[in-house]
Amino acid sequence: MGTPGLPGARTGRRLDHLGRRLCPHVHSCAVGEKPEAGLFILFASFLSFFNLVASSVSSFVQFYLESWYNRASLTR
């Protein structure tokens, strides 16, 4: 990642730098480490956050629909 001739090279380096800043312990382990490890942790963190948000939205929608159904059944 980060080959100068490729179109997304600058973005790749920027994301790798962000991964290094967020997870410095990953980049201080071994000599032959992969720079993509920081990106992997960043991506996994994003997926975890997305899962949390989706779960919260799902719970809210379920609560709203149940309360709406209970209200509708009381008015019959």
Protein backbone atom coordinates (compact mmCIF):
# COMPACT_ATOMS: atom_id res chain seq x y z
CA MET A 1 0.00 0.00 0.00
CA GLY A 2 1.29 3.45 -0.77
CA THR A 3 2.90 2.96 -4.20
CA PRO A 4 3.56 6.46 -5.63
CA GLY A 5 2.25 5.73 -9.14
CA LEU A 6 -1.19 4.46 -8.13
CA PRO A 7 -4.26 6.76 -7.84
CA GLY A 8 -5.19 5.80 -4.27
CA ALA A 9 -1.65 5.84 -2.91
CA ARG A 10 -1.99 9.11 -1.01
CA THR A 11 -5.26 8.04 0.61
CA GLY A 12 -3.72 4.72 1.62
CA ARG A 13 -0.80 6.46 3.30
CA ARG A 14 -3.17 8.87 5.05
CA LEU A 15 -5.32 6.03 6.40
CA ASP A 16 -2.22 4.11 7.47
CA HIS A 17 -1.00 7.19 9.33
CA LEU A 18 -4.39 7.48 11.03
CA GLY A 19 -4.21 3.80 11.98
CA ARG A 20 -0.74 4.34 13.44
CA ARG A 21 -1.96 7.30 15.50
CA LEU A 22 -5.01 5.44 16.83
CA CYS A 23 -3.22 2.15 17.53
CA PRO A 24 0.48 2.86 18.16
CA HIS A 25 1.02 -0.43 20.00
CA VAL A 26 0.40 -2.38 16.80
CA HIS A 27 3.25 -0.58 15.04
CA SER A 28 5.83 -1.04 17.76
CA CYS A 29 5.77 -4.85 17.89
CA ALA A 30 8.17 -6.53 15.47
CA VAL A 31 10.57 -5.53 12.72
CA GLY A 32 8.67 -7.34 9.96
CA GLU A 33 5.25 -5.99 10.85
CA LYS A 34 2.61 -5.19 8.28
CA PRO A 35 1.48 -1.54 8.09
CA GLU A 36 -2.03 -2.79 7.24
CA ALA A 37 -2.49 -4.04 10.82
CA GLY A 38 -3.47 -0.54 11.97
CA LEU A 39 -5.98 -0.29 9.16
CA PHE A 40 -7.43 -3.66 10.08
CA ILE A 41 -7.94 -2.57 13.69
CA LEU A 42 -9.44 0.71 12.52
CA PHE A 43 -11.82 -1.16 10.20
CA ALA A 44 -12.75 -3.63 12.95
CA SER A 45 -13.46 -0.73 15.32
CA PHE A 46 -15.67 0.89 12.69
CA LEU A 47 -17.61 -2.35 12.20
CA SER A 48 -18.06 -2.70 15.95
CA PHE A 49 -19.36 0.88 16.21
CA PHE A 50 -21.68 0.33 13.23
CA ASN A 51 -23.01 -2.83 14.90
CA LEU A 52 -23.71 -0.88 18.10
CA VAL A 53 -25.59 1.84 16.21
CA ALA A 54 -27.59 -0.67 14.16
CA SER A 55 -28.52 -2.59 17.30
CA SER A 56 -29.67 0.59 19.04
CA VAL A 57 -31.77 1.65 16.05
CA SER A 58 -33.27 -1.83 15.82
CA SER A 59 -34.21 -1.80 19.50
CA PHE A 60 -35.79 1.64 19.16
CA VAL A 61 -37.82 0.60 16.11
CA GLN A 62 -38.97 -2.57 17.87
CA PHE A 63 -40.03 -0.57 20.95
CA TYR A 64 -41.86 1.98 18.80
CA LEU A 65 -43.70 -0.69 16.78
CA GLU A 66 -44.72 -2.63 19.90
CA SER A 67 -46.05 0.49 21.59
CA TRP A 68 -47.89 1.49 18.42
CA TYR A 69 -49.41 -2.01 18.15
CA ASN A 70 -50.47 -1.96 21.82
CA ARG A 71 -52.06 1.45 21.38
CA ALA A 72 -53.88 0.32 18.25
CA SER A 73 -55.18 -2.83 19.95
CA LEU A 74 -56.51 -0.81 22.92
CA THR A 75 -58.59 1.45 20.68
CA ARG A 76 -60.46 -1.46 19.06
